[in-house]
C-alpha atoms as a PDB file:
ATOM      1  CA  UNK A   1    -126.262 180.508-241.335  1.00  0.00           C
ATOM      2  CA  UNK A   2    -125.404 177.625-244.024  1.00  0.00           C
ATOM      3  CA  UNK A   3    -126.746 174.048-243.906  1.00  0.00           C
ATOM      4  CA  UNK A   4    -122.965 173.419-242.284  1.00  0.00           C
ATOM      5  CA  UNK A   5    -123.115 175.605-240.313  1.00  0.00           C
ATOM      6  CA  UNK A   6    -126.648 174.525-239.211  1.00  0.00           C
ATOM      7  CA  UNK A   7    -124.991 170.893-238.757  1.00  0.00           C
ATOM      8  CA  UNK A   8    -122.152 172.092-237.186  1.00  0.00           C
ATOM      9  CA  UNK A   9    -124.228 173.849-234.665  1.00  0.00           C
ATOM     10  CA  UNK A  10    -126.766 170.316-233.951  1.00  0.00           C
ATOM     11  CA  UNK A  11    -123.232 168.501-233.774  1.00  0.00           C
ATOM     12  CA  UNK A  12    -121.892 170.692-230.310  1.00  0.00           C
ATOM     13  CA  UNK A  13    -125.014 170.541-229.523  1.00  0.00           C
ATOM     14  CA  UNK A  14    -125.595 166.864-229.204  1.00  0.00           C
ATOM     15  CA  UNK A  15    -121.961 166.258-227.478  1.00  0.00           C
ATOM     16  CA  UNK A  16    -123.103 168.501-224.443  1.00  0.00           C
ATOM     17  CA  UNK A  17    -122.870 172.218-225.865  1.00  0.00           C
ATOM     18  CA  UNK A  18    -126.062 173.197-225.348  1.00  0.00           C
ATOM     19  CA  UNK A  19    -125.376 176.534-225.209  1.00  0.00           C
ATOM     20  CA  UNK A  20    -124.815 176.232-229.624  1.00  0.00           C
ATOM     21  CA  UNK A  21    -128.605 175.597-229.752  1.00  0.00           C
ATOM     22  CA  UNK A  22    -128.803 179.385-229.280  1.00  0.00           C
ATOM     23  CA  UNK A  23    -127.331 179.914-232.478  1.00  0.00           C
ATOM     24  CA  UNK A  24    -130.127 177.765-234.012  1.00  0.00           C
ATOM     25  CA  UNK A  25    -133.017 179.633-232.387  1.00  0.00           C
ATOM     26  CA  UNK A  26    -131.476 183.326-233.228  1.00  0.00           C
ATOM     27  CA  UNK A  27    -131.731 182.678-236.503  1.00  0.00           C
ATOM     28  CA  UNK A  28    -134.656 180.649-236.913  1.00  0.00           C
ATOM     29  CA  UNK A  29    -137.089 182.355-234.118  1.00  0.00           C
ATOM     30  CA  UNK A  30    -138.372 185.326-237.177  1.00  0.00           C
ATOM     31  CA  UNK A  31    -139.366 182.657-239.580  1.00  0.00           C
ATOM     32  CA  UNK A  32    -140.618 180.104-236.561  1.00  0.00           C
ATOM     33  CA  UNK A  33    -142.418 183.048-235.155  1.00  0.00           C
ATOM     34  CA  UNK A  34    -144.112 184.653-238.620  1.00  0.00           C
ATOM     35  CA  UNK A  35    -145.177 181.160-239.784  1.00  0.00           C
ATOM     36  CA  UNK A  36    -147.060 181.207-235.924  1.00  0.00           C
ATOM     37  CA  UNK A  37    -148.386 184.003-236.517  1.00  0.00           C
ATOM     38  CA  UNK A  38    -150.077 183.131-239.243  1.00  0.00           C
ATOM     39  CA  UNK A  39    -151.649 180.225-238.645  1.00  0.00           C
ATOM     40  CA  UNK A  40    -152.963 181.285-234.736  1.00  0.00           C
ATOM     41  CA  UNK A  41    -153.467 185.171-235.686  1.00  0.00           C
ATOM     42  CA  UNK A  42    -152.404 186.312-232.030  1.00  0.00           C
ATOM     43  CA  UNK A  43    -149.074 187.608-231.458  1.00  0.00           C
ATOM     44  CA  UNK A  44    -149.628 186.623-227.779  1.00  0.00           C
ATOM     45  CA  UNK A  45    -150.425 182.193-229.266  1.00  0.00           C
ATOM     46  CA  UNK A  46    -147.597 182.910-231.609  1.00  0.00           C
ATOM     47  CA  UNK A  47    -144.742 184.354-229.015  1.00  0.00           C
ATOM     48  CA  UNK A  48    -146.039 180.856-226.928  1.00  0.00           C
ATOM     49  CA  UNK A  49    -146.786 178.621-229.678  1.00  0.00           C
ATOM     50  CA  UNK A  50    -142.395 179.705-230.902  1.00  0.00           C
ATOM     51  CA  UNK A  51    -140.782 179.185-227.367  1.00  0.00           C
ATOM     52  CA  UNK A  52    -142.918 175.510-227.484  1.00  0.00           C
ATOM     53  CA  UNK A  53    -141.715 174.675-230.962  1.00  0.00           C
ATOM     54  CA  UNK A  54    -138.561 175.543-229.935  1.00  0.00           C
ATOM     55  CA  UNK A  55    -138.439 173.797-226.154  1.00  0.00           C
ATOM     56  CA  UNK A  56    -139.512 170.514-228.445  1.00  0.00           C
ATOM     57  CA  UNK A  57    -136.705 171.183-231.233  1.00  0.00           C
ATOM     58  CA  UNK A  58    -134.344 170.517-228.464  1.00  0.00           C
ATOM     59  CA  UNK A  59    -135.586 168.149-226.181  1.00  0.00           C
ATOM     60  CA  UNK A  60    -135.872 165.986-229.668  1.00  0.00           C
ATOM     61  CA  UNK A  61    -132.730 166.948-231.864  1.00  0.00           C
ATOM     62  CA  UNK A  62    -131.412 163.697-231.795  1.00  0.00           C
ATOM     63  CA  UNK A  63    -134.375 162.729-234.247  1.00  0.00           C
ATOM     64  CA  UNK A  64    -133.070 165.619-236.633  1.00  0.00           C
ATOM     65  CA  UNK A  65    -131.574 162.742-239.363  1.00  0.00           C
ATOM     66  CA  UNK A  66    -130.840 165.859-242.058  1.00  0.00           C
ATOM     67  CA  UNK A  67    -132.842 164.489-244.611  1.00  0.00           C
ATOM     68  CA  UNK A  68    -134.380 167.531-245.195  1.00  0.00           C
ATOM     69  CA  UNK A  69    -133.307 171.542-244.456  1.00  0.00           C
ATOM     70  CA  UNK A  70    -133.122 172.207-240.334  1.00  0.00           C
ATOM     71  CA  UNK A  71    -135.613 174.664-241.007  1.00  0.00           C
ATOM     72  CA  UNK A  72    -137.666 172.271-242.581  1.00  0.00           C
ATOM     73  CA  UNK A  73    -137.926 169.911-239.749  1.00  0.00           C
ATOM     74  CA  UNK A  74    -138.541 173.022-237.320  1.00  0.00           C
ATOM     75  CA  UNK A  75    -141.521 174.398-238.920  1.00  0.00           C
ATOM     76  CA  UNK A  76    -143.159 171.072-238.994  1.00  0.00           C
ATOM     77  CA  UNK A  77    -142.612 171.000-235.754  1.00  0.00           C
ATOM     78  CA  UNK A  78    -144.272 174.542-235.010  1.00  0.00           C
ATOM     79  CA  UNK A  79    -147.253 173.430-237.607  1.00  0.00           C
ATOM     80  CA  UNK A  80    -147.487 170.823-235.437  1.00  0.00           C
ATOM     81  CA  UNK A  81    -148.013 172.844-231.798  1.00  0.00           C
ATOM     82  CA  UNK A  82    -149.876 175.599-234.024  1.00  0.00           C
ATOM     83  CA  UNK A  83    -152.291 172.956-234.999  1.00  0.00           C
ATOM     84  CA  UNK A  84    -152.902 171.532-231.327  1.00  0.00           C
ATOM     85  CA  UNK A  85    -153.705 175.392-230.284  1.00  0.00           C
ATOM     86  CA  UNK A  86    -155.907 175.291-232.830  1.00  0.00           C
ATOM     87  CA  UNK A  87    -157.442 171.982-231.824  1.00  0.00           C
ATOM     88  CA  UNK A  88    -157.610 172.656-228.485  1.00  0.00           C
ATOM     89  CA  UNK A  89    -159.438 175.672-228.764  1.00  0.00           C
ATOM     90  CA  UNK A  90    -161.324 175.162-231.247  1.00  0.00           C
ATOM     91  CA  UNK A  91    -161.344 179.258-232.879  1.00  0.00           C
ATOM     92  CA  UNK A  92    -159.830 179.518-236.142  1.00  0.00           C
ATOM     93  CA  UNK A  93    -161.339 183.157-236.449  1.00  0.00           C
ATOM     94  CA  UNK A  94    -160.385 185.090-234.176  1.00  0.00           C
ATOM     95  CA  UNK A  95    -158.109 187.871-234.575  1.00  0.00           C
ATOM     96  CA  UNK A  96    -156.053 189.580-231.643  1.00  0.00           C
ATOM     97  CA  UNK A  97    -153.455 191.475-234.038  1.00  0.00           C
ATOM     98  CA  UNK A  98    -152.613 194.881-233.213  1.00  0.00           C
ATOM     99  CA  UNK A  99    -152.050 195.839-236.265  1.00  0.00           C
ATOM    100  CA  UNK A 100    -148.703 196.974-235.798  1.00  0.00           C
ATOM    101  CA  UNK A 101    -146.070 194.622-235.018  1.00  0.00           C
ATOM    102  CA  UNK A 102    -148.133 191.749-237.250  1.00  0.00           C
ATOM    103  CA  UNK A 103    -144.719 191.394-239.777  1.00  0.00           C
ATOM    104  CA  UNK A 104    -146.698 189.243-241.744  1.00  0.00           C
ATOM    105  CA  UNK A 105    -148.103 189.984-245.564  1.00  0.00           C
ATOM    106  CA  UNK A 106    -146.250 193.257-245.575  1.00  0.00           C
ATOM    107  CA  UNK A 107    -146.540 195.626-248.093  1.00  0.00           C
ATOM    108  CA  UNK A 108    -145.053 197.876-250.325  1.00  0.00           C
ATOM    109  CA  UNK A 109    -143.941 201.238-248.577  1.00  0.00           C
ATOM    110  CA  UNK A 110    -145.751 203.594-250.221  1.00  0.00           C
ATOM    111  CA  UNK A 111    -143.454 206.537-248.843  1.00  0.00           C
ATOM    112  CA  UNK A 112    -145.082 209.719-247.046  1.00  0.00           C
ATOM    113  CA  UNK A 113    -148.145 209.757-249.216  1.00  0.00           C
ATOM    114  CA  UNK A 114    -151.337 209.885-245.813  1.00  0.00           C
ATOM    115  CA  UNK A 115    -154.154 208.564-248.639  1.00  0.00           C
ATOM    116  CA  UNK A 116    -151.567 204.997-249.369  1.00  0.00           C
ATOM    117  CA  UNK A 117    -150.459 204.712-245.665  1.00  0.00           C
ATOM    118  CA  UNK A 118    -154.203 204.547-244.986  1.00  0.00           C
ATOM    119  CA  UNK A 119    -155.050 202.733-247.886  1.00  0.00           C
ATOM    120  CA  UNK A 120    -152.273 199.908-247.532  1.00  0.00           C
ATOM    121  CA  UNK A 121    -153.544 199.521-243.416  1.00  0.00           C
ATOM    122  CA  UNK A 122    -156.632 198.661-244.873  1.00  0.00           C
ATOM    123  CA  UNK A 123    -155.339 196.174-246.941  1.00  0.00           C
ATOM    124  CA  UNK A 124    -153.122 194.679-243.986  1.00  0.00           C
ATOM    125  CA  UNK A 125    -155.876 194.137-241.998  1.00  0.00           C
ATOM    126  CA  UNK A 126    -158.725 192.915-244.559  1.00  0.00           C
ATOM    127  CA  UNK A 127    -156.398 190.325-245.648  1.00  0.00           C
ATOM    128  CA  UNK A 128    -155.939 189.757-241.353  1.00  0.00           C
ATOM    129  CA  UNK A 129    -159.134 188.947-241.693  1.00  0.00           C
ATOM    130  CA  UNK A 130    -159.515 187.055-244.795  1.00  0.00           C
ATOM    131  CA  UNK A 131    -156.625 184.642-243.661  1.00  0.00           C
ATOM    132  CA  UNK A 132    -159.083 184.145-239.506  1.00  0.00           C
ATOM    133  CA  UNK A 133    -161.707 182.920-242.118  1.00  0.00           C
ATOM    134  CA  UNK A 134    -159.357 180.349-243.776  1.00  0.00           C
ATOM    135  CA  UNK A 135    -159.511 176.422-242.553  1.00  0.00           C
ATOM    136  CA  UNK A 136    -156.409 175.751-240.670  1.00  0.00           C
ATOM    137  CA  UNK A 137    -154.899 174.196-243.158  1.00  0.00           C
ATOM    138  CA  UNK A 138    -156.045 176.652-245.880  1.00  0.00           C
ATOM    139  CA  UNK A 139    -154.316 178.839-243.619  1.00  0.00           C
ATOM    140  CA  UNK A 140    -151.498 176.279-242.735  1.00  0.00           C
ATOM    141  CA  UNK A 141    -150.567 175.870-246.377  1.00  0.00           C
ATOM    142  CA  UNK A 142    -150.947 179.633-247.264  1.00  0.00           C
ATOM    143  CA  UNK A 143    -148.463 181.243-244.476  1.00  0.00           C
ATOM    144  CA  UNK A 144    -145.432 178.207-245.226  1.00  0.00           C
ATOM    145  CA  UNK A 145    -146.142 179.578-249.204  1.00  0.00           C
ATOM    146  CA  UNK A 146    -146.285 183.130-249.569  1.00  0.00           C
ATOM    147  CA  UNK A 147    -144.470 184.372-245.968  1.00  0.00           C
ATOM    148  CA  UNK A 148    -142.035 181.642-245.302  1.00  0.00           C
ATOM    149  CA  UNK A 149    -141.595 181.083-249.223  1.00  0.00           C
ATOM    150  CA  UNK A 150    -141.290 177.384-248.883  1.00  0.00           C
ATOM    151  CA  UNK A 151    -141.083 175.024-252.363  1.00  0.00           C
ATOM    152  CA  UNK A 152    -144.936 172.771-252.235  1.00  0.00           C
ATOM    153  CA  UNK A 153    -142.100 170.073-251.833  1.00  0.00           C
ATOM    154  CA  UNK A 154    -140.711 171.548-248.505  1.00  0.00           C
ATOM    155  CA  UNK A 155    -144.648 172.077-247.432  1.00  0.00           C
ATOM    156  CA  UNK A 156    -145.254 168.565-248.153  1.00  0.00           C
ATOM    157  CA  UNK A 157    -142.753 167.316-246.185  1.00  0.00           C
ATOM    158  CA  UNK A 158    -143.895 169.517-243.053  1.00  0.00           C
ATOM    159  CA  UNK A 159    -148.113 168.344-243.553  1.00  0.00           C
ATOM    160  CA  UNK A 160    -147.495 165.264-244.784  1.00  0.00           C
ATOM    161  CA  UNK A 161    -149.446 166.016-247.718  1.00  0.00           C
ATOM    162  CA  UNK A 162    -148.672 164.765-251.407  1.00  0.00           C
ATOM    163  CA  UNK A 163    -147.518 167.532-254.200  1.00  0.00           C
ATOM    164  CA  UNK A 164    -150.752 167.475-256.062  1.00  0.00           C
ATOM    165  CA  UNK A 165    -152.963 168.552-252.376  1.00  0.00           C
ATOM    166  CA  UNK A 166    -150.182 171.210-250.838  1.00  0.00           C
ATOM    167  CA  UNK A 167    -151.079 172.766-254.595  1.00  0.00           C
ATOM    168  CA  UNK A 168    -154.983 171.787-254.290  1.00  0.00           C
ATOM    169  CA  UNK A 169    -154.776 173.382-251.032  1.00  0.00           C
ATOM    170  CA  UNK A 170    -152.755 176.441-251.477  1.00  0.00           C
ATOM    171  CA  UNK A 171    -154.717 177.430-254.750  1.00  0.00           C
ATOM    172  CA  UNK A 172    -158.577 177.551-252.202  1.00  0.00           C
ATOM    173  CA  UNK A 173    -156.642 179.479-250.343  1.00  0.00           C
ATOM    174  CA  UNK A 174    -156.471 182.228-252.499  1.00  0.00           C
ATOM    175  CA  UNK A 175    -159.199 182.160-254.209  1.00  0.00           C
ATOM    176  CA  UNK A 176    -161.148 182.468-250.977  1.00  0.00           C
ATOM    177  CA  UNK A 177    -158.465 185.005-249.900  1.00  0.00           C
ATOM    178  CA  UNK A 178    -159.434 186.709-253.097  1.00  0.00           C
ATOM    179  CA  UNK A 179    -162.502 186.645-253.196  1.00  0.00           C
ATOM    180  CA  UNK A 180    -162.663 187.402-249.423  1.00  0.00           C
ATOM    181  CA  UNK A 181    -160.906 190.941-250.431  1.00  0.00           C
ATOM    182  CA  UNK A 182    -163.140 191.911-253.826  1.00  0.00           C
ATOM    183  CA  UNK A 183    -166.229 190.885-251.621  1.00  0.00           C
ATOM    184  CA  UNK A 184    -164.751 193.698-249.212  1.00  0.00           C
ATOM    185  CA  UNK A 185    -164.019 196.435-251.968  1.00  0.00           C
ATOM    186  CA  UNK A 186    -159.875 196.135-251.305  1.00  0.00           C
ATOM    187  CA  UNK A 187    -159.137 193.629-254.167  1.00  0.00           C
ATOM    188  CA  UNK A 188    -160.194 194.260-258.055  1.00  0.00           C
ATOM    189  CA  UNK A 189    -158.335 191.711-260.237  1.00  0.00           C
ATOM    190  CA  UNK A 190    -159.449 188.184-260.894  1.00  0.00           C
ATOM    191  CA  UNK A 191    -159.191 184.856-258.786  1.00  0.00           C
ATOM    192  CA  UNK A 192    -156.049 182.725-259.171  1.00  0.00           C
ATOM    193  CA  UNK A 193    -156.770 180.150-262.268  1.00  0.00           C
ATOM    194  CA  UNK A 194    -156.095 176.774-261.513  1.00  0.00           C
ATOM    195  CA  UNK A 195    -153.545 176.814-264.078  1.00  0.00           C
ATOM    196  CA  UNK A 196    -151.424 178.950-262.477  1.00  0.00           C
ATOM    197  CA  UNK A 197    -151.595 176.735-259.365  1.00  0.00           C
ATOM    198  CA  UNK A 198    -150.770 173.678-261.033  1.00  0.00           C
ATOM    199  CA  UNK A 199    -147.476 175.546-263.161  1.00  0.00           C
ATOM    200  CA  UNK A 200    -146.564 176.085-259.407  1.00  0.00           C
ATOM    201  CA  UNK A 201    -146.695 180.180-259.647  1.00  0.00           C
ATOM    202  CA  UNK A 202    -143.173 180.498-259.994  1.00  0.00           C
ATOM    203  CA  UNK A 203    -141.880 177.748-257.926  1.00  0.00           C
ATOM    204  CA  UNK A 204    -138.531 176.855-256.480  1.00  0.00           C
ATOM    205  CA  UNK A 205    -138.455 172.916-256.641  1.00  0.00           C
END
């Protein structure tokens, strides 16, 4: 869905054609769910958070001024829902993922080689466990950057943090994740350098 198509759908919703909101849900439900899953690490919680985020979006659609992408505004709502859920539960490290249905941090297909398939599965599980150990702010920043592919500016709009703070959180999150993967024998590369984070690591904006 293009930005113009989004704006047209929003105008229809605000004009009383509430069915038009479904097109916005269909366009963004996967991104919203993956963001919630990356932050909450629970499939059921991610579903609940996604539903709540879209409900808030529908109720507060008139407050969307179009200064940013609709997806950025929607991800901000989703992030707030997730942070509220994390604060209420006091849970940062618990994970209830089954492993097979998680589409976040998908790794390249290694074909039918059983050994490579096993290694891929083990690495994916290790990444999940490493994410579970990150503080919510770090997990949020890393999810928005590496799963959702947002720019530092967009992440700042969502989190309310300055670009320097966003870069620092992402750098520290990647370093902690890399350290965990190294300690568990799933990663042998060097930790990310702060210079790479400062340069933006190929940032689009």
